[in-house]
Amino acid sequence: MHEAAREVVRSLRDTPEYLQSRRERKKVEMLFAHLKRILRMGRLRLRGPCGARDEFTLAAIAQNLRKLAKLIPMPQPAMAI
């Protein structure tokens, strides 16, 4: 029934633009998966649009702090003599 549309999508599947968008989409989807599973954001607990925005902002801050902590080099432990 929708074979023409499927052919158009199949022709776009091998383009460099599609591959780039797929890589970028994977990064974003992994962040949302982390929010939902690790930070337990499957459901928002605060009510209303302002509460949801505030809760999501706090979760995004937590993710950014986690990324930032990975960029800071850890000091090497001193060797015992």
PDB file of N, CA and C in Angstrom:
ATOM      1  N   MET A   1       0.818  -1.185   0.000  1.00  0.00           N
ATOM      2  CA  MET A   1       0.000   0.000   0.000  1.00  0.00           C
ATOM      3  C   MET A   1       0.877   1.271   0.000  1.00  0.00           C
ATOM      4  N   HIS A   2       1.917   1.298   0.811  1.00  0.00           N
ATOM      5  CA  HIS A   2       2.784   2.468   0.897  1.00  0.00           C
ATOM      6  C   HIS A   2       4.173   2.163   0.337  1.00  0.00           C
ATOM      7  N   GLU A   3       4.226   1.357  -0.677  1.00  0.00           N
ATOM      8  CA  GLU A   3       5.516   0.917  -1.211  1.00  0.00           C
ATOM      9  C   GLU A   3       6.319   2.075  -1.790  1.00  0.00           C
ATOM     10  N   ALA A   4       5.672   3.071  -2.370  1.00  0.00           N
ATOM     11  CA  ALA A   4       6.403   4.216  -2.931  1.00  0.00           C
ATOM     12  C   ALA A   4       7.124   4.982  -1.828  1.00  0.00           C
ATOM     13  N   ALA A   5       6.471   5.175  -0.722  1.00  0.00           N
ATOM     14  CA  ALA A   5       7.110   5.878   0.403  1.00  0.00           C
ATOM     15  C   ALA A   5       8.266   5.055   0.954  1.00  0.00           C
ATOM     16  N   ARG A   6       8.099   3.745   1.007  1.00  0.00           N
ATOM     17  CA  ARG A   6       9.171   2.876   1.491  1.00  0.00           C
ATOM     18  C   ARG A   6      10.388   2.943   0.582  1.00  0.00           C
ATOM     19  N   GLU A   7      10.173   3.027  -0.713  1.00  0.00           N
ATOM     20  CA  GLU A   7      11.288   3.129  -1.662  1.00  0.00           C
ATOM     21  C   GLU A   7      12.050   4.431  -1.469  1.00  0.00           C
ATOM     22  N   VAL A   8      11.334   5.516  -1.194  1.00  0.00           N
ATOM     23  CA  VAL A   8      11.999   6.799  -0.957  1.00  0.00           C
ATOM     24  C   VAL A   8      12.886   6.689   0.274  1.00  0.00           C
ATOM     25  N   VAL A   9      12.371   6.079   1.333  1.00  0.00           N
ATOM     26  CA  VAL A   9      13.146   5.922   2.561  1.00  0.00           C
ATOM     27  C   VAL A   9      14.339   5.011   2.330  1.00  0.00           C
ATOM     28  N   ARG A  10      14.159   3.956   1.586  1.00  0.00           N
ATOM     29  CA  ARG A  10      15.276   3.048   1.289  1.00  0.00           C
ATOM     30  C   ARG A  10      16.375   3.752   0.508  1.00  0.00           C
ATOM     31  N   SER A  11      16.000   4.670  -0.373  1.00  0.00           N
ATOM     32  CA  SER A  11      17.012   5.386  -1.153  1.00  0.00           C
ATOM     33  C   SER A  11      17.791   6.373  -0.285  1.00  0.00           C
ATOM     34  N   LEU A  12      17.162   6.885   0.764  1.00  0.00           N
ATOM     35  CA  LEU A  12      17.845   7.824   1.663  1.00  0.00           C
ATOM     36  C   LEU A  12      18.713   7.123   2.697  1.00  0.00           C
ATOM     37  N   ARG A  13      18.505   5.844   2.893  1.00  0.00           N
ATOM     38  CA  ARG A  13      19.160   5.081   3.957  1.00  0.00           C
ATOM     39  C   ARG A  13      20.684   5.095   3.861  1.00  0.00           C
ATOM     40  N   ASP A  14      21.240   5.158   2.688  1.00  0.00           N
ATOM     41  CA  ASP A  14      22.691   5.061   2.515  1.00  0.00           C
ATOM     42  C   ASP A  14      23.373   6.408   2.313  1.00  0.00           C
ATOM     43  N   THR A  15      22.658   7.509   2.485  1.00  0.00           N
ATOM     44  CA  THR A  15      23.277   8.818   2.286  1.00  0.00           C
ATOM     45  C   THR A  15      24.101   9.210   3.512  1.00  0.00           C
ATOM     46  N   PRO A  16      25.134  10.012   3.319  1.00  0.00           N
ATOM     47  CA  PRO A  16      25.959  10.457   4.465  1.00  0.00           C
ATOM     48  C   PRO A  16      25.152  11.284   5.465  1.00  0.00           C
ATOM     49  N   GLU A  17      24.180  12.039   4.979  1.00  0.00           N
ATOM     50  CA  GLU A  17      23.353  12.853   5.875  1.00  0.00           C
ATOM     51  C   GLU A  17      22.538  11.969   6.814  1.00  0.00           C
ATOM     52  N   TYR A  18      22.020  10.868   6.288  1.00  0.00           N
ATOM     53  CA  TYR A  18      21.246   9.954   7.122  1.00  0.00           C
ATOM     54  C   TYR A  18      22.135   9.309   8.192  1.00  0.00           C
ATOM     55  N   LEU A  19      23.333   8.901   7.794  1.00  0.00           N
ATOM     56  CA  LEU A  19      24.246   8.277   8.745  1.00  0.00           C
ATOM     57  C   LEU A  19      24.658   9.257   9.845  1.00  0.00           C
ATOM     58  N   GLN A  20      24.869  10.532   9.474  1.00  0.00           N
ATOM     59  CA  GLN A  20      25.217  11.537  10.477  1.00  0.00           C
ATOM     60  C   GLN A  20      24.047  11.767  11.426  1.00  0.00           C
ATOM     61  N   SER A  21      22.832  11.880  10.905  1.00  0.00           N
ATOM     62  CA  SER A  21      21.683  12.110  11.777  1.00  0.00           C
ATOM     63  C   SER A  21      21.448  10.906  12.693  1.00  0.00           C
ATOM     64  N   ARG A  22      21.758   9.731  12.209  1.00  0.00           N
ATOM     65  CA  ARG A  22      21.608   8.530  13.029  1.00  0.00           C
ATOM     66  C   ARG A  22      22.583   8.535  14.201  1.00  0.00           C
ATOM     67  N   ARG A  23      23.832   8.955  13.944  1.00  0.00           N
ATOM     68  CA  ARG A  23      24.829   9.052  15.017  1.00  0.00           C
ATOM     69  C   ARG A  23      24.417  10.092  16.055  1.00  0.00           C
ATOM     70  N   GLU A  24      23.948  11.248  15.585  1.00  0.00           N
ATOM     71  CA  GLU A  24      23.535  12.309  16.509  1.00  0.00           C
ATOM     72  C   GLU A  24      22.305  11.885  17.310  1.00  0.00           C
ATOM     73  N   ARG A  25      21.375  11.220  16.663  1.00  0.00           N
ATOM     74  CA  ARG A  25      20.157  10.773  17.341  1.00  0.00           C
ATOM     75  C   ARG A  25      20.487   9.746  18.419  1.00  0.00           C
ATOM     76  N   LYS A  26      21.475   8.917  18.171  1.00  0.00           N
ATOM     77  CA  LYS A  26      21.855   7.912  19.158  1.00  0.00           C
ATOM     78  C   LYS A  26      22.364   8.564  20.439  1.00  0.00           C
ATOM     79  N   LYS A  27      23.151   9.639  20.308  1.00  0.00           N
ATOM     80  CA  LYS A  27      23.658  10.345  21.478  1.00  0.00           C
ATOM     81  C   LYS A  27      22.514  10.892  22.318  1.00  0.00           C
ATOM     82  N   VAL A  28      21.543  11.507  21.664  1.00  0.00           N
ATOM     83  CA  VAL A  28      20.408  12.101  22.379  1.00  0.00           C
ATOM     84  C   VAL A  28      19.561  11.014  23.018  1.00  0.00           C
ATOM     85  N   GLU A  29      19.317   9.941  22.287  1.00  0.00           N
ATOM     86  CA  GLU A  29      18.496   8.857  22.835  1.00  0.00           C
ATOM     87  C   GLU A  29      19.158   8.210  24.043  1.00  0.00           C
ATOM     88  N   MET A  30      20.483   8.111  24.038  1.00  0.00           N
ATOM     89  CA  MET A  30      21.189   7.543  25.188  1.00  0.00           C
ATOM     90  C   MET A  30      21.029   8.443  26.419  1.00  0.00           C
ATOM     91  N   LEU A  31      21.027   9.755  26.216  1.00  0.00           N
ATOM     92  CA  LEU A  31      20.832  10.673  27.335  1.00  0.00           C
ATOM     93  C   LEU A  31      19.435  10.519  27.926  1.00  0.00           C
ATOM     94  N   PHE A  32      18.431  10.403  27.068  1.00  0.00           N
ATOM     95  CA  PHE A  32      17.064  10.215  27.559  1.00  0.00           C
ATOM     96  C   PHE A  32      16.917   8.864  28.255  1.00  0.00           C
ATOM     97  N   ALA A  33      17.568   7.853  27.740  1.00  0.00           N
ATOM     98  CA  ALA A  33      17.506   6.537  28.384  1.00  0.00           C
ATOM     99  C   ALA A  33      18.132   6.600  29.776  1.00  0.00           C
ATOM    100  N   HIS A  34      19.230   7.333  29.905  1.00  0.00           N
ATOM    101  CA  HIS A  34      19.870   7.490  31.210  1.00  0.00           C
ATOM    102  C   HIS A  34      18.943   8.234  32.169  1.00  0.00           C
ATOM    103  N   LEU A  35      18.294   9.270  31.665  1.00  0.00           N
ATOM    104  CA  LEU A  35      17.339  10.010  32.502  1.00  0.00           C
ATOM    105  C   LEU A  35      16.232   9.089  33.004  1.00  0.00           C
ATOM    106  N   LYS A  36      15.721   8.281  32.119  1.00  0.00           N
ATOM    107  CA  LYS A  36      14.575   7.445  32.486  1.00  0.00           C
ATOM    108  C   LYS A  36      14.965   6.295  33.403  1.00  0.00           C
ATOM    109  N   ARG A  37      16.087   5.650  33.135  1.00  0.00           N
ATOM    110  CA  ARG A  37      16.444   4.457  33.909  1.00  0.00           C
ATOM    111  C   ARG A  37      17.225   4.766  35.166  1.00  0.00           C
ATOM    112  N   ILE A  38      18.293   5.523  35.041  1.00  0.00           N
ATOM    113  CA  ILE A  38      19.188   5.759  36.166  1.00  0.00           C
ATOM    114  C   ILE A  38      18.633   6.837  37.098  1.00  0.00           C
ATOM    115  N   LEU A  39      18.177   7.942  36.530  1.00  0.00           N
ATOM    116  CA  LEU A  39      17.665   9.037  37.345  1.00  0.00           C
ATOM    117  C   LEU A  39      16.168   8.906  37.629  1.00  0.00           C
ATOM    118  N   ARG A  40      15.582   7.813  37.201  1.00  0.00           N
ATOM    119  CA  ARG A  40      14.167   7.506  37.457  1.00  0.00           C
ATOM    120  C   ARG A  40      13.228   8.622  37.033  1.00  0.00           C
ATOM    121  N   MET A  41      13.414   9.092  35.795  1.00  0.00           N
ATOM    122  CA  MET A  41      12.567  10.152  35.273  1.00  0.00           C
ATOM    123  C   MET A  41      11.518   9.595  34.307  1.00  0.00           C
ATOM    124  N   GLY A  42      11.134   8.351  34.499  1.00  0.00           N
ATOM    125  CA  GLY A  42      10.088   7.775  33.660  1.00  0.00           C
ATOM    126  C   GLY A  42       8.783   8.529  33.825  1.00  0.00           C
ATOM    127  N   ARG A  43       8.564   9.010  35.046  1.00  0.00           N
ATOM    128  CA  ARG A  43       7.393   9.855  35.341  1.00  0.00           C
ATOM    129  C   ARG A  43       7.871  11.088  36.090  1.00  0.00           C
ATOM    130  N   LEU A  44       7.283  12.215  35.758  1.00  0.00           N
ATOM    131  CA  LEU A  44       7.595  13.431  36.494  1.00  0.00           C
ATOM    132  C   LEU A  44       6.763  13.469  37.759  1.00  0.00           C
ATOM    133  N   ARG A  45       7.364  13.918  38.834  1.00  0.00           N
ATOM    134  CA  ARG A  45       6.662  13.927  40.111  1.00  0.00           C
ATOM    135  C   ARG A  45       6.033  15.271  40.441  1.00  0.00           C
ATOM    136  N   LEU A  46       6.570  16.355  39.880  1.00  0.00           N
ATOM    137  CA  LEU A  46       6.008  17.679  40.128  1.00  0.00           C
ATOM    138  C   LEU A  46       4.881  17.942  39.141  1.00  0.00           C
ATOM    139  N   ARG A  47       3.903  18.700  39.577  1.00  0.00           N
ATOM    140  CA  ARG A  47       2.723  18.925  38.754  1.00  0.00           C
ATOM    141  C   ARG A  47       2.827  20.223  37.973  1.00  0.00           C
ATOM    142  N   GLY A  48       2.142  20.244  36.852  1.00  0.00           N
ATOM    143  CA  GLY A  48       2.071  21.450  36.033  1.00  0.00           C
ATOM    144  C   GLY A  48       3.285  21.631  35.153  1.00  0.00           C
ATOM    145  N   PRO A  49       3.167  22.509  34.163  1.00  0.00           N
ATOM    146  CA  PRO A  49       4.283  22.733  33.242  1.00  0.00           C
ATOM    147  C   PRO A  49       5.519  23.314  33.927  1.00  0.00           C
ATOM    148  N   CYS A  50       5.318  24.195  34.897  1.00  0.00           N
ATOM    149  CA  CYS A  50       6.473  24.789  35.593  1.00  0.00           C
ATOM    150  C   CYS A  50       7.193  23.736  36.426  1.00  0.00           C
ATOM    151  N   GLY A  51       6.434  22.885  37.108  1.00  0.00           N
ATOM    152  CA  GLY A  51       7.050  21.824  37.900  1.00  0.00           C
ATOM    153  C   GLY A  51       7.797  20.843  37.029  1.00  0.00           C
ATOM    154  N   ALA A  52       7.208  20.484  35.888  1.00  0.00           N
ATOM    155  CA  ALA A  52       7.875  19.554  34.968  1.00  0.00           C
ATOM    156  C   ALA A  52       9.153  20.170  34.417  1.00  0.00           C
ATOM    157  N   ARG A  53       9.078  21.446  34.065  1.00  0.00           N
ATOM    158  CA  ARG A  53      10.272  22.121  33.546  1.00  0.00           C
ATOM    159  C   ARG A  53      11.365  22.156  34.608  1.00  0.00           C
ATOM    160  N   ASP A  54      10.996  22.482  35.848  1.00  0.00           N
ATOM    161  CA  ASP A  54      11.987  22.546  36.928  1.00  0.00           C
ATOM    162  C   ASP A  54      12.612  21.185  37.197  1.00  0.00           C
ATOM    163  N   GLU A  55      11.791  20.151  37.213  1.00  0.00           N
ATOM    164  CA  GLU A  55      12.305  18.798  37.474  1.00  0.00           C
ATOM    165  C   GLU A  55      13.231  18.339  36.355  1.00  0.00           C
ATOM    166  N   PHE A  56      12.844  18.626  35.125  1.00  0.00           N
ATOM    167  CA  PHE A  56      13.670  18.224  33.989  1.00  0.00           C
ATOM    168  C   PHE A  56      14.974  19.023  33.971  1.00  0.00           C
ATOM    169  N   THR A  57      14.908  20.310  34.337  1.00  0.00           N
ATOM    170  CA  THR A  57      16.113  21.132  34.386  1.00  0.00           C
ATOM    171  C   THR A  57      17.091  20.588  35.419  1.00  0.00           C
ATOM    172  N   LEU A  58      16.586  20.192  36.580  1.00  0.00           N
ATOM    173  CA  LEU A  58      17.464  19.623  37.604  1.00  0.00           C
ATOM    174  C   LEU A  58      18.105  18.320  37.120  1.00  0.00           C
ATOM    175  N   ALA A  59      17.346  17.509  36.411  1.00  0.00           N
ATOM    176  CA  ALA A  59      17.902  16.261  35.883  1.00  0.00           C
ATOM    177  C   ALA A  59      18.974  16.553  34.836  1.00  0.00           C
ATOM    178  N   ALA A  60      18.749  17.567  33.992  1.00  0.00           N
ATOM    179  CA  ALA A  60      19.741  17.934  32.976  1.00  0.00           C
ATOM    180  C   ALA A  60      21.009  18.468  33.643  1.00  0.00           C
ATOM    181  N   ILE A  61      20.850  19.232  34.726  1.00  0.00           N
ATOM    182  CA  ILE A  61      22.014  19.731  35.467  1.00  0.00           C
ATOM    183  C   ILE A  61      22.807  18.560  36.036  1.00  0.00           C
ATOM    184  N   ALA A  62      22.095  17.571  36.571  1.00  0.00           N
ATOM    185  CA  ALA A  62      22.779  16.391  37.123  1.00  0.00           C
ATOM    186  C   ALA A  62      23.569  15.667  36.037  1.00  0.00           C
ATOM    187  N   GLN A  63      22.981  15.546  34.849  1.00  0.00           N
ATOM    188  CA  GLN A  63      23.703  14.887  33.761  1.00  0.00           C
ATOM    189  C   GLN A  63      24.932  15.683  33.354  1.00  0.00           C
ATOM    190  N   ASN A  64      24.796  17.005  33.277  1.00  0.00           N
ATOM    191  CA  ASN A  64      25.928  17.836  32.874  1.00  0.00           C
ATOM    192  C   ASN A  64      27.046  17.798  33.910  1.00  0.00           C
ATOM    193  N   LEU A  65      26.682  17.787  35.187  1.00  0.00           N
ATOM    194  CA  LEU A  65      27.705  17.676  36.233  1.00  0.00           C
ATOM    195  C   LEU A  65      28.430  16.342  36.161  1.00  0.00           C
ATOM    196  N   ARG A  66      27.690  15.310  35.842  1.00  0.00           N
ATOM    197  CA  ARG A  66      28.302  13.986  35.689  1.00  0.00           C
ATOM    198  C   ARG A  66      29.313  13.979  34.544  1.00  0.00           C
ATOM    199  N   LYS A  67      28.946  14.609  33.424  1.00  0.00           N
ATOM    200  CA  LYS A  67      29.866  14.713  32.286  1.00  0.00           C
ATOM    201  C   LYS A  67      31.089  15.537  32.654  1.00  0.00           C
ATOM    202  N   LEU A  68      30.859  16.637  33.373  1.00  0.00           N
ATOM    203  CA  LEU A  68      31.948  17.513  33.767  1.00  0.00           C
ATOM    204  C   LEU A  68      32.921  16.800  34.698  1.00  0.00           C
ATOM    205  N   ALA A  69      32.405  15.995  35.599  1.00  0.00           N
ATOM    206  CA  ALA A  69      33.261  15.257  36.528  1.00  0.00           C
ATOM    207  C   ALA A  69      34.161  14.268  35.791  1.00  0.00           C
ATOM    208  N   LYS A  70      33.689  13.737  34.686  1.00  0.00           N
ATOM    209  CA  LYS A  70      34.519  12.806  33.911  1.00  0.00           C
ATOM    210  C   LYS A  70      35.671  13.514  33.209  1.00  0.00           C
ATOM    211  N   LEU A  71      35.536  14.815  32.954  1.00  0.00           N
ATOM    212  CA  LEU A  71      36.578  15.565  32.256  1.00  0.00           C
ATOM    213  C   LEU A  71      37.719  15.974  33.177  1.00  0.00           C
ATOM    214  N   ILE A  72      37.462  16.034  34.470  1.00  0.00           N
ATOM    215  CA  ILE A  72      38.492  16.445  35.425  1.00  0.00           C
ATOM    216  C   ILE A  72      39.416  15.262  35.698  1.00  0.00           C
ATOM    217  N   PRO A  73      40.713  15.440  35.451  1.00  0.00           N
ATOM    218  CA  PRO A  73      41.637  14.314  35.699  1.00  0.00           C
ATOM    219  C   PRO A  73      41.748  14.029  37.195  1.00  0.00           C
ATOM    220  N   MET A  74      41.737  12.778  37.538  1.00  0.00           N
ATOM    221  CA  MET A  74      41.879  12.356  38.933  1.00  0.00           C
ATOM    222  C   MET A  74      43.356  12.309  39.288  1.00  0.00           C
ATOM    223  N   PRO A  75      43.740  12.778  40.504  1.00  0.00           N
ATOM    224  CA  PRO A  75      45.157  12.712  40.896  1.00  0.00           C
ATOM    225  C   PRO A  75      45.583  11.273  41.104  1.00  0.00           C
ATOM    226  N   GLN A  76      46.818  10.987  40.765  1.00  0.00           N
ATOM    227  CA  GLN A  76      47.358   9.644  40.935  1.00  0.00           C
ATOM    228  C   GLN A  76      47.681   9.412  42.399  1.00  0.00           C
ATOM    229  N   PRO A  77      47.351   8.245  42.940  1.00  0.00           N
ATOM    230  CA  PRO A  77      47.690   7.981  44.341  1.00  0.00           C
ATOM    231  C   PRO A  77      49.210   7.884  44.521  1.00  0.00           C
ATOM    232  N   ALA A  78      49.662   8.366  45.680  1.00  0.00           N
ATOM    233  CA  ALA A  78      51.106   8.334  45.966  1.00  0.00           C
ATOM    234  C   ALA A  78      51.532   6.897  46.248  1.00  0.00           C
ATOM    235  N   MET A  79      52.701   6.554  45.774  1.00  0.00           N
ATOM    236  CA  MET A  79      53.226   5.202  45.989  1.00  0.00           C
ATOM    237  C   MET A  79      53.773   5.089  47.406  1.00  0.00           C
ATOM    238  N   ALA A  80      53.458   4.032  48.098  1.00  0.00           N
ATOM    239  CA  ALA A  80      53.984   3.787  49.463  1.00  0.00           C
ATOM    240  C   ALA A  80      55.429   3.303  49.364  1.00  0.00           C
ATOM    241  N   ILE A  81      56.257   3.850  50.194  1.00  0.00           N
ATOM    242  CA  ILE A  81      57.683   3.458  50.171  1.00  0.00           C
ATOM    243  C   ILE A  81      57.962   2.477  51.268  1.00  0.00           C
TER     244      ILE A  81
END
